[in-house]
């Protein structure tokens, strides 16, 4: 029964990922297609202790072929050379403005407050929120505007290519992409009227009038997952929102080592599930049944073959079919993110690693009731409001 359940589940998952692939909008190089109109875009880059990334980010932004934009960098209480690097760029490019923030008010997360203050100085008809650890192809902004025009969007978020620094980061991420595709299938995320929402805070393009009408970042001041909260508010108001794949045009380097990777993903995983313990435990149980059990069948086949016993029977056939679907579905969805199919062969290890991170995320949220991020401690007061400093 367990094997039949696993086979049925992976058949459904395979259909999900295929549907996502063929219905997902992609941000592509716009060699012949440019946006028809070029309204002013205010690009906002909150930066806290980003001396290792901010130069790369600003170089890629100032090289954009979109003809009408300004860049507002919000130096949020940095203690390193972030401000110094930004000022050097601003001295040679008048499109760049630097805003300095020295304090974090009560009730705000650092990023939300930084963007909120930056928007006050923005003049654009569109706002583009960019993380400081990203770099962009020169046609990236033009491609985003062209896609927004084509689809008639009020807001657009884009998934980047994640450049991981080591094997275990990429292996663990390979299972996160698969789980995300199942829980938040992109064809439902982009369906008007659907409550399923997913967003990526490293690239969000939104009309200024839409941003103001939903209350901006002030309405989500204490939310840790501000990207998800912002997209939820856009959809609640009935505006047209899409999530697109832009792995060919945007690159992000999120975590320099396993310690920061562990902390970073632990910060968001359980909150992304709205703190739903029952759902989290169900995911654990399902993962064991559908992801680990079929590989145990493969081990069983290998052992029986080594013992000279007939390895082929109904159980082994079903097990092999299930493992084949697992490898196919995992490889297929990870092709979105330019992850090698090799990681799909290590699916059980990736699942165990992902479960470990989720366990730590649950502990941080339910036992410690707080988390630390970039030098600031946030207390988790509820899962719908996320946090309070």
Protein backbone atom coordinates (compact mmCIF):
# COMPACT_ATOMS: atom_id res chain seq x y z
CA UNK A 1 0.00 0.00 0.00
CA UNK A 2 2.78 2.41 0.86
CA UNK A 3 4.45 1.78 -2.46
CA UNK A 4 1.21 2.30 -4.39
CA UNK A 5 0.66 5.55 -2.48
CA UNK A 6 4.20 6.69 -3.32
CA UNK A 7 3.76 5.80 -6.99
CA UNK A 8 0.44 7.67 -7.13
CA UNK A 9 1.95 10.69 -5.40
CA UNK A 10 4.90 10.90 -7.78
CA UNK A 11 2.64 10.48 -10.79
CA UNK A 12 0.69 13.50 -9.57
CA UNK A 13 3.87 15.44 -8.76
CA UNK A 14 5.22 14.74 -12.24
CA UNK A 15 2.04 16.15 -13.77
CA UNK A 16 2.38 19.21 -11.52
CA UNK A 17 5.94 19.96 -12.54
CA UNK A 18 5.17 19.43 -16.22
CA UNK A 19 2.25 21.84 -15.97
CA UNK A 20 4.44 24.37 -14.18
CA UNK A 21 7.12 24.14 -16.84
CA UNK A 22 4.81 24.69 -19.77
CA UNK A 23 2.73 27.42 -18.13
CA UNK A 24 5.54 29.36 -16.44
CA UNK A 25 6.44 32.77 -17.94
CA UNK A 26 10.14 33.15 -18.59
CA UNK A 27 12.16 36.34 -18.53
CA UNK A 28 14.25 36.12 -21.66
CA UNK A 29 16.82 38.14 -23.56
CA UNK A 30 14.82 40.77 -25.39
CA UNK A 31 16.93 41.19 -28.53
CA UNK A 32 14.07 42.19 -30.80
CA UNK A 33 11.26 42.86 -28.32
CA UNK A 34 11.51 45.94 -26.12
CA UNK A 35 8.83 47.52 -23.93
CA UNK A 36 6.65 49.90 -25.93
CA UNK A 37 6.75 52.55 -23.21
CA UNK A 38 9.59 53.43 -20.88
CA UNK A 39 8.21 55.09 -17.74
CA UNK A 40 10.64 56.04 -15.00
CA UNK A 41 11.52 53.05 -12.82
CA UNK A 42 12.83 53.64 -9.31
CA UNK A 43 15.17 50.77 -8.43
CA UNK A 44 15.45 50.39 -4.66
CA UNK A 45 18.32 48.43 -3.14
CA UNK A 46 18.27 47.94 0.66
CA UNK A 47 21.78 47.10 1.82
CA UNK A 48 23.02 46.14 5.28
CA UNK A 49 26.66 45.10 5.56
CA UNK A 50 26.84 44.19 1.87
CA UNK A 51 30.40 45.27 1.05
CA UNK A 52 31.05 41.88 -0.56
CA UNK A 53 28.11 42.21 -2.97
CA UNK A 54 27.04 45.81 -3.48
CA UNK A 55 29.69 46.68 -6.08
CA UNK A 56 28.68 43.74 -8.28
CA UNK A 57 25.02 44.66 -7.90
CA UNK A 58 25.47 48.34 -8.77
CA UNK A 59 27.69 47.57 -11.74
CA UNK A 60 24.98 45.35 -13.20
CA UNK A 61 22.22 47.87 -12.50
CA UNK A 62 24.01 50.87 -13.97
CA UNK A 63 24.68 48.80 -17.13
CA UNK A 64 20.96 48.21 -17.82
CA UNK A 65 19.83 49.06 -21.35
CA UNK A 66 16.47 50.35 -20.10
CA UNK A 67 16.67 54.09 -20.80
CA UNK A 68 14.78 55.61 -17.89
CA UNK A 69 15.59 54.66 -14.30
CA UNK A 70 16.97 55.90 -11.01
CA UNK A 71 18.71 53.85 -8.33
CA UNK A 72 18.11 54.46 -4.64
CA UNK A 73 20.46 52.56 -2.34
CA UNK A 74 19.36 52.45 1.28
CA UNK A 75 22.40 51.92 3.51
CA UNK A 76 20.68 50.34 6.49
CA UNK A 77 22.86 50.61 9.60
CA UNK A 78 25.88 49.08 7.87
CA UNK A 79 29.04 48.69 9.91
CA UNK A 80 31.29 47.79 6.97
CA UNK A 81 32.29 49.57 3.74
CA UNK A 82 28.84 49.37 2.13
CA UNK A 83 28.22 53.11 2.37
CA UNK A 84 31.69 54.00 1.14
CA UNK A 85 31.35 51.80 -1.95
CA UNK A 86 27.91 53.19 -2.74
CA UNK A 87 29.10 56.79 -2.46
CA UNK A 88 31.87 56.11 -4.98
CA UNK A 89 29.28 54.90 -7.48
CA UNK A 90 27.01 57.85 -6.77
CA UNK A 91 29.89 60.27 -7.40
CA UNK A 92 30.24 59.09 -11.00
CA UNK A 93 26.62 58.21 -11.84
CA UNK A 94 23.96 60.81 -11.10
CA UNK A 95 21.20 58.22 -11.40
CA UNK A 96 22.30 56.81 -8.03
CA UNK A 97 21.07 58.26 -4.74
CA UNK A 98 22.25 57.13 -1.33
CA UNK A 99 19.97 57.12 1.70
CA UNK A 100 21.49 56.53 5.14
CA UNK A 101 19.49 54.86 7.93
CA UNK A 102 20.89 54.78 11.46
CA UNK A 103 18.01 53.32 13.52
CA UNK A 104 15.36 50.64 13.25
CA UNK A 105 12.00 51.69 14.73
CA UNK A 106 10.01 49.27 16.87
CA UNK A 107 7.57 47.11 14.94
CA UNK A 108 9.63 46.98 11.74
CA UNK A 109 11.98 44.48 10.17
CA UNK A 110 15.13 46.04 8.78
CA UNK A 111 14.40 45.41 5.09
CA UNK A 112 10.81 46.60 5.29
CA UNK A 113 11.81 49.82 7.00
CA UNK A 114 14.67 50.45 4.58
CA UNK A 115 12.42 50.06 1.54
CA UNK A 116 9.69 52.15 3.16
CA UNK A 117 12.13 55.01 3.67
CA UNK A 118 13.57 54.61 0.19
CA UNK A 119 10.16 54.78 -1.49
CA UNK A 120 9.64 58.22 0.04
CA UNK A 121 12.41 59.49 -2.27
CA UNK A 122 11.32 57.51 -5.34
CA UNK A 123 9.95 59.40 -8.34
CA UNK A 124 9.18 56.50 -10.65
CA UNK A 125 5.81 55.28 -11.92
CA UNK A 126 7.22 51.80 -11.25
CA UNK A 127 9.15 50.53 -8.24
CA UNK A 128 11.70 47.74 -8.57
CA UNK A 129 12.90 46.12 -5.35
CA UNK A 130 16.31 44.50 -5.73
CA UNK A 131 18.47 42.67 -3.17
CA UNK A 132 22.10 43.72 -2.88
CA UNK A 133 23.41 40.19 -3.45
CA UNK A 134 22.06 40.02 -7.01
CA UNK A 135 23.58 40.76 -10.41
CA UNK A 136 21.65 41.32 -13.62
CA UNK A 137 22.05 40.92 -17.35
CA UNK A 138 21.98 44.31 -19.12
CA UNK A 139 18.56 43.58 -20.64
CA UNK A 140 16.98 42.39 -17.36
CA UNK A 141 14.90 45.48 -16.55
CA UNK A 142 13.78 45.87 -20.16
CA UNK A 143 12.74 42.21 -20.26
CA UNK A 144 10.74 42.59 -17.04
CA UNK A 145 8.94 45.65 -18.38
CA UNK A 146 8.24 43.93 -21.70
CA UNK A 147 6.76 40.90 -19.92
CA UNK A 148 4.68 43.14 -17.65
CA UNK A 149 3.32 44.98 -20.69
CA UNK A 150 2.59 41.78 -22.58
CA UNK A 151 0.68 40.19 -19.70
CA UNK A 152 -0.91 43.41 -18.42
CA UNK A 153 0.63 42.97 -15.00
CA UNK A 154 0.40 45.21 -11.97
CA UNK A 155 3.26 43.41 -10.22
CA UNK A 156 5.90 40.91 -11.26
CA UNK A 157 8.38 38.87 -9.24
CA UNK A 158 11.20 36.88 -10.82
CA UNK A 159 13.04 33.76 -9.68
CA UNK A 160 16.81 34.07 -10.24
CA UNK A 161 19.63 31.62 -10.73
CA UNK A 162 21.03 30.72 -7.30
CA UNK A 163 24.80 30.42 -7.38
CA UNK A 164 25.65 28.21 -4.41
CA UNK A 165 29.13 28.04 -2.96
CA UNK A 166 29.31 24.30 -2.22
CA UNK A 167 27.86 20.90 -3.00
CA UNK A 168 25.63 20.51 0.06
CA UNK A 169 24.01 23.91 -0.43
CA UNK A 170 22.99 23.01 -3.96
CA UNK A 171 21.95 19.50 -2.96
CA UNK A 172 19.66 20.79 -0.21
CA UNK A 173 18.28 23.53 -2.43
CA UNK A 174 17.42 20.90 -5.06
CA UNK A 175 14.79 19.44 -2.74
CA UNK A 176 13.46 22.87 -1.74
CA UNK A 177 12.70 23.65 -5.38
CA UNK A 178 10.75 20.42 -5.76
CA UNK A 179 8.72 20.90 -2.58
CA UNK A 180 8.01 24.52 -3.52
CA UNK A 181 6.82 23.47 -6.98
CA UNK A 182 4.37 21.05 -5.35
CA UNK A 183 3.03 23.38 -2.64
CA UNK A 184 3.08 26.56 -4.73
CA UNK A 185 2.67 25.44 -8.37
CA UNK A 186 3.35 28.42 -10.60
CA UNK A 187 0.25 27.88 -12.72
CA UNK A 188 -1.84 28.44 -9.56
CA UNK A 189 0.32 31.29 -8.31
CA UNK A 190 -0.29 33.14 -11.59
CA UNK A 191 -3.98 32.31 -11.87
CA UNK A 192 -6.13 35.34 -11.20
CA UNK A 193 -8.35 34.77 -8.18
CA UNK A 194 -6.14 32.02 -6.78
CA UNK A 195 -5.02 32.41 -3.17
CA UNK A 196 -1.83 30.43 -3.81
CA UNK A 197 1.01 32.94 -3.56
CA UNK A 198 4.75 32.78 -4.00
CA UNK A 199 7.19 35.63 -4.47
CA UNK A 200 10.92 36.31 -4.58
CA UNK A 201 12.03 39.45 -2.76
CA UNK A 202 15.24 39.67 -4.76
CA UNK A 203 13.30 41.05 -7.74
CA UNK A 204 9.84 42.61 -7.48
CA UNK A 205 8.55 45.10 -10.05
CA UNK A 206 5.32 46.88 -9.11
CA UNK A 207 3.37 49.91 -10.28
CA UNK A 208 3.73 52.77 -7.82
CA UNK A 209 -0.02 53.40 -7.68
CA UNK A 210 -0.61 49.73 -6.88
CA UNK A 211 2.08 49.76 -4.20
CA UNK A 212 0.50 52.81 -2.55
CA UNK A 213 -3.03 51.38 -2.75
CA UNK A 214 -2.06 48.24 -0.78
CA UNK A 215 -0.30 50.25 1.92
CA UNK A 216 3.23 49.53 0.76
CA UNK A 217 5.72 48.08 3.21
CA UNK A 218 4.09 49.96 6.08
CA UNK A 219 1.19 47.50 5.88
CA UNK A 220 3.62 44.60 6.37
CA UNK A 221 6.09 46.36 8.67
CA UNK A 222 6.80 43.38 10.93
CA UNK A 223 6.62 40.61 8.35
CA UNK A 224 9.86 38.64 7.95
CA UNK A 225 8.74 37.15 4.62
CA UNK A 226 7.99 40.58 3.20
CA UNK A 227 8.02 39.39 -0.41
CA UNK A 228 5.27 36.86 0.23
CA UNK A 229 3.27 39.37 2.27
CA UNK A 230 3.53 42.03 -0.44
CA UNK A 231 2.39 39.61 -3.15
CA UNK A 232 -0.50 38.42 -0.96
CA UNK A 233 -1.69 42.01 -0.56
CA UNK A 234 -1.43 42.62 -4.31
CA UNK A 235 -3.57 39.56 -5.04
CA UNK A 236 -6.07 40.29 -2.26
CA UNK A 237 -6.81 43.64 -3.87
CA UNK A 238 -7.51 41.91 -7.17
CA UNK A 239 -4.45 43.21 -9.01
CA UNK A 240 -2.76 41.12 -11.70
CA UNK A 241 0.38 39.48 -10.31
CA UNK A 242 2.75 36.97 -11.89
CA UNK A 243 5.83 35.04 -10.82
CA UNK A 244 8.29 34.43 -13.66
CA UNK A 245 11.50 32.46 -14.09
CA UNK A 246 14.55 34.56 -14.88
CA UNK A 247 17.48 32.24 -14.22
CA UNK A 248 19.19 33.36 -17.41
CA UNK A 249 19.13 37.05 -16.52
CA UNK A 250 19.46 37.30 -12.73
CA UNK A 251 22.05 35.68 -10.46
CA UNK A 252 22.04 35.72 -6.68
CA UNK A 253 24.75 34.69 -4.23
CA UNK A 254 22.84 34.34 -0.99
CA UNK A 255 25.03 32.44 1.44
CA UNK A 256 28.80 32.24 1.54
CA UNK A 257 29.00 29.07 3.67
CA UNK A 258 26.91 26.30 5.19
CA UNK A 259 26.44 28.14 8.48
CA UNK A 260 24.78 31.12 6.79
CA UNK A 261 22.83 28.76 4.50
CA UNK A 262 21.55 26.85 7.54
CA UNK A 263 20.59 30.04 9.35
CA UNK A 264 19.05 31.69 6.30
CA UNK A 265 16.77 28.83 5.29
CA UNK A 266 15.89 28.06 8.90
CA UNK A 267 14.71 31.66 9.12
CA UNK A 268 12.05 31.27 6.44
CA UNK A 269 10.93 27.65 5.95
CA UNK A 270 8.44 27.23 8.78
CA UNK A 271 7.18 30.78 8.38
CA UNK A 272 6.55 30.06 4.69
CA UNK A 273 4.14 27.35 5.88
CA UNK A 274 2.38 29.98 8.04
CA UNK A 275 3.62 28.19 11.15
CA UNK A 276 1.24 25.31 10.44
CA UNK A 277 2.66 22.54 12.59
CA UNK A 278 0.17 19.94 11.37
CA UNK A 279 1.12 20.64 7.77
CA UNK A 280 4.84 20.56 8.59
CA UNK A 281 4.49 17.18 10.33
CA UNK A 282 2.44 15.88 7.41
CA UNK A 283 5.25 16.92 5.06
CA UNK A 284 7.71 14.98 7.21
CA UNK A 285 5.56 11.85 7.09
CA UNK A 286 4.87 12.13 3.36
CA UNK A 287 8.55 12.71 2.65
CA UNK A 288 9.47 9.50 4.45
CA UNK A 289 6.81 7.47 2.66
CA UNK A 290 7.15 8.78 -0.89
CA UNK A 291 10.80 9.88 -1.01
CA UNK A 292 12.75 7.48 1.21
CA UNK A 293 10.73 4.26 1.12
CA UNK A 294 11.00 3.75 -2.69
CA UNK A 295 14.79 3.96 -2.52
CA UNK A 296 14.72 1.30 0.19
CA UNK A 297 13.06 -0.94 -2.40
CA UNK A 298 16.00 -0.29 -4.74
CA UNK A 299 18.38 -1.33 -1.96
CA UNK A 300 16.27 -4.45 -1.45
CA UNK A 301 16.58 -5.27 -5.17
CA UNK A 302 20.35 -4.85 -5.04
CA UNK A 303 20.65 -7.09 -1.96
CA UNK A 304 18.47 -9.85 -3.40
CA UNK A 305 20.41 -9.74 -6.68
CA UNK A 306 23.69 -9.98 -4.76
CA UNK A 307 22.36 -13.00 -2.89
CA UNK A 308 21.50 -14.72 -6.17
CA UNK A 309 17.76 -14.49 -5.59
CA UNK A 310 15.32 -13.40 -8.32
CA UNK A 311 15.25 -9.60 -7.97
CA UNK A 312 12.25 -8.98 -10.21
CA UNK A 313 8.72 -9.11 -8.79
CA UNK A 314 5.75 -6.75 -8.62
CA UNK A 315 7.15 -4.83 -5.64
CA UNK A 316 10.52 -4.27 -7.28
CA UNK A 317 8.89 -3.19 -10.56
CA UNK A 318 6.67 -0.66 -8.79
CA UNK A 319 9.64 0.53 -6.76
CA UNK A 320 11.79 1.07 -9.84
CA UNK A 321 9.00 2.95 -11.62
CA UNK A 322 8.53 5.18 -8.57
CA UNK A 323 12.25 5.93 -8.28
CA UNK A 324 12.32 6.68 -12.00
CA UNK A 325 9.51 9.22 -11.56
CA UNK A 326 11.31 10.76 -8.59
CA UNK A 327 14.50 11.25 -10.58
CA UNK A 328 12.60 12.60 -13.60
CA UNK A 329 10.44 15.05 -11.62
CA UNK A 330 13.37 16.26 -9.54
CA UNK A 331 15.60 16.72 -12.58
CA UNK A 332 12.86 18.43 -14.53
CA UNK A 333 11.96 21.03 -11.91
CA UNK A 334 15.61 21.67 -11.09
CA UNK A 335 16.31 22.38 -14.75
CA UNK A 336 14.39 25.63 -14.10
CA UNK A 337 17.21 26.63 -11.75
CA UNK A 338 20.11 25.25 -13.81
CA UNK A 339 20.83 22.52 -11.25
CA UNK A 340 22.59 19.40 -12.51
CA UNK A 341 20.43 16.25 -12.92
CA UNK A 342 23.11 14.47 -10.86
CA UNK A 343 21.56 15.81 -7.66
CA UNK A 344 18.35 13.90 -8.41
CA UNK A 345 20.25 10.65 -7.97
CA UNK A 346 20.98 11.75 -4.40
CA UNK A 347 17.34 12.52 -3.69
CA UNK A 348 17.15 10.66 -0.32
CA UNK A 349 20.17 12.59 1.04
CA UNK A 350 18.66 15.87 -0.16
CA UNK A 351 15.37 15.00 1.56
CA UNK A 352 17.09 14.21 4.86
CA UNK A 353 19.08 17.44 4.64
CA UNK A 354 15.95 19.45 3.90
CA UNK A 355 14.12 17.80 6.80
CA UNK A 356 16.98 18.78 9.11
CA UNK A 357 16.73 22.44 8.07
CA UNK A 358 12.96 22.37 8.49
CA UNK A 359 13.35 20.87 11.95
CA UNK A 360 15.65 23.69 12.95
CA UNK A 361 13.23 26.22 11.47
CA UNK A 362 10.39 24.76 13.56
CA UNK A 363 12.52 24.86 16.71
CA UNK A 364 13.52 28.49 16.13
CA UNK A 365 9.94 29.53 15.56
CA UNK A 366 8.20 27.54 18.29
CA UNK A 367 10.76 27.15 21.08
CA UNK A 368 13.00 30.17 20.82
CA UNK A 369 10.17 32.35 19.45
CA UNK A 370 12.82 34.51 17.84
CA UNK A 371 15.44 34.55 15.13
CA UNK A 372 18.51 36.57 14.31
CA UNK A 373 19.28 38.03 10.92
CA UNK A 374 22.07 40.43 9.94
CA UNK A 375 22.71 41.50 13.49
CA UNK A 376 19.06 42.08 14.44
CA UNK A 377 16.98 39.82 16.67
CA UNK A 378 13.31 39.46 15.75
CA UNK A 379 10.71 38.05 18.11
CA UNK A 380 8.07 35.92 16.40
CA UNK A 381 4.81 37.07 17.93
CA UNK A 382 2.44 35.34 15.50
CA UNK A 383 2.69 33.57 12.20
CA UNK A 384 0.41 35.93 10.34
CA UNK A 385 2.26 39.05 11.45
CA UNK A 386 5.53 37.11 11.52
CA UNK A 387 7.64 39.18 13.86
CA UNK A 388 8.27 42.16 16.01
CA UNK A 389 11.78 43.47 16.79
